[in-house]
Protein backbone atom coordinates (compact mmCIF):
# COMPACT_ATOMS: atom_id res chain seq x y z
CA MET A 1 86.06 98.44 81.48
CA LYS A 2 86.73 95.51 82.36
CA PHE A 3 90.51 96.37 83.44
CA LEU A 4 88.91 99.82 85.36
CA ALA A 5 86.64 97.00 87.14
CA LEU A 6 89.50 94.74 88.15
CA PHE A 7 91.74 97.64 88.92
CA LEU A 8 89.20 99.05 91.56
CA SER A 9 89.05 95.91 92.88
CA MET A 10 92.25 95.34 93.93
CA PHE A 11 92.58 98.80 95.22
CA LEU A 12 89.85 98.05 97.57
CA CYS A 13 91.15 94.67 98.42
CA SER A 14 94.52 95.87 99.50
CA THR A 15 93.12 99.01 101.07
CA ALA A 16 90.83 97.11 103.21
CA ALA A 17 93.83 94.50 103.94
CA LEU A 18 95.49 97.51 105.25
CA ALA A 19 93.04 99.26 107.35
CA ASN A 20 93.12 96.36 109.81
CA LEU A 21 97.06 95.77 109.98
CA ASP A 22 97.83 93.84 113.65
CA ILE A 23 101.53 94.40 114.27
CA ASN A 24 101.82 90.94 115.74
CA ARG A 25 101.00 89.63 111.93
CA ALA A 26 102.36 91.94 109.45
CA THR A 27 105.22 91.49 107.42
CA GLN A 28 107.99 94.32 106.94
CA ALA A 29 106.68 94.86 103.67
CA GLU A 30 103.33 95.90 104.73
CA LEU A 31 104.64 97.57 108.02
CA GLU A 32 106.86 99.74 105.47
CA ARG A 33 103.66 100.80 103.47
CA LEU A 34 102.34 102.60 106.48
CA LYS A 35 103.50 106.59 106.48
CA GLY A 36 106.43 106.96 109.27
CA VAL A 37 107.24 103.62 108.74
CA GLY A 38 110.55 102.76 107.29
CA PRO A 39 113.23 100.09 106.84
CA GLN A 40 114.50 101.00 110.01
CA LEU A 41 111.48 101.15 112.26
CA SER A 42 110.26 97.83 110.60
CA SER A 43 113.32 95.87 111.57
CA ARG A 44 113.49 97.19 115.24
CA ILE A 45 109.35 96.19 115.26
CA LEU A 46 110.38 92.86 113.70
CA ALA A 47 113.21 91.95 116.06
CA ALA A 48 111.08 92.94 119.17
CA ARG A 49 108.33 90.64 118.11
CA SER A 50 110.62 87.94 117.24
CA SER A 51 110.99 86.84 121.09
CA GLN A 52 107.33 87.45 121.78
CA SER A 53 104.32 88.71 120.24
CA PHE A 54 103.05 92.62 121.46
CA SER A 55 100.35 92.26 124.02
CA ASP A 56 99.46 95.86 123.72
CA TRP A 57 100.32 99.12 122.67
CA GLU A 58 102.23 100.14 125.81
CA ASP A 59 104.31 96.49 125.62
CA PHE A 60 105.04 97.73 121.60
CA ARG A 61 106.01 101.25 122.85
CA LYS A 62 108.02 100.10 125.65
CA ARG A 63 110.00 97.58 123.40
CA VAL A 64 110.55 99.28 120.41
CA SER A 65 112.49 102.43 120.42
CA GLY A 66 111.46 105.95 119.21
CA LEU A 67 108.23 105.36 119.58
CA GLY A 68 105.80 108.03 120.97
CA PRO A 69 102.63 108.83 121.63
CA LEU A 70 102.52 110.95 118.48
CA GLN A 71 103.28 108.29 116.42
CA SER A 72 101.29 105.99 117.98
CA VAL A 73 98.14 108.02 117.14
CA ARG A 74 99.36 108.17 113.38
CA LEU A 75 100.16 104.77 112.87
CA SER A 76 96.62 103.72 115.21
CA GLN A 77 95.06 106.30 112.29
CA GLN A 78 96.40 104.22 109.48
CA GLY A 79 94.84 101.09 110.56
CA LEU A 80 97.36 99.30 112.72
CA THR A 81 96.59 97.54 115.73
CA VAL A 82 98.12 95.51 118.67
CA ALA A 83 96.42 92.54 119.85
CA GLY A 84 93.31 93.91 117.62
CA ALA A 85 93.44 97.14 119.36
CA SER A 86 93.73 100.52 118.21
CA PHE A 87 95.99 103.07 120.15
CA ALA A 88 93.95 105.25 122.53
CA ALA A 89 96.07 107.94 123.60
CA THR A 90 95.27 110.10 126.83
CA ASP A 91 95.63 113.72 127.95
CA SER A 92 98.39 112.94 129.71
CA MET A 93 100.70 111.38 126.91
CA LEU A 94 99.77 114.60 124.79
CA THR A 95 100.05 117.14 127.38
CA PRO A 96 104.18 116.85 127.01
CA LEU A 97 103.95 117.58 123.59
CA LYS A 98 101.90 120.61 123.17
CA LYS A 99 104.05 123.42 123.69
CA PRO A 100 102.44 126.19 125.75
CA VAL A 101 103.12 129.69 124.85
CA ARG A 102 103.65 132.21 127.18
CA PRO A 103 103.56 136.02 127.43
CA SER A 104 106.83 136.19 127.83
CA ASP A 105 107.85 134.36 124.87
CA ALA A 106 105.49 135.96 122.43
CA LYS A 107 106.95 138.88 120.52
CA PRO A 108 105.21 141.75 119.64
CA TRP A 109 103.67 142.31 115.98
CA THR A 110 105.75 145.25 114.04
CA PRO A 111 105.07 147.06 110.83
CA ALA A 112 107.73 145.98 107.77
CA PRO A 113 109.54 148.88 107.15
């Protein structure tokens, strides 16, 4: 029973620590715990941060190549912050990601033979 209580408290502490992970203080190991962040992206983040801390999400996205609005949304949902702020995507950022469906693109349904 004590083992279970210890395990749960360790799990909750690690989850809480990850819930508010600031990009300007995160270690490579902490970054790589985020889904979608591997060794290459975490290395690019740390290299960009080594010259100067990120001031906001726009600064972070400009200085780290390959980081689009959709990935920023996903990282923010996992608890990543930049200077204490979560990412706030605007519709204009996400509109290019939505592929419009045109009537000419739609294929009519035909039953299988």
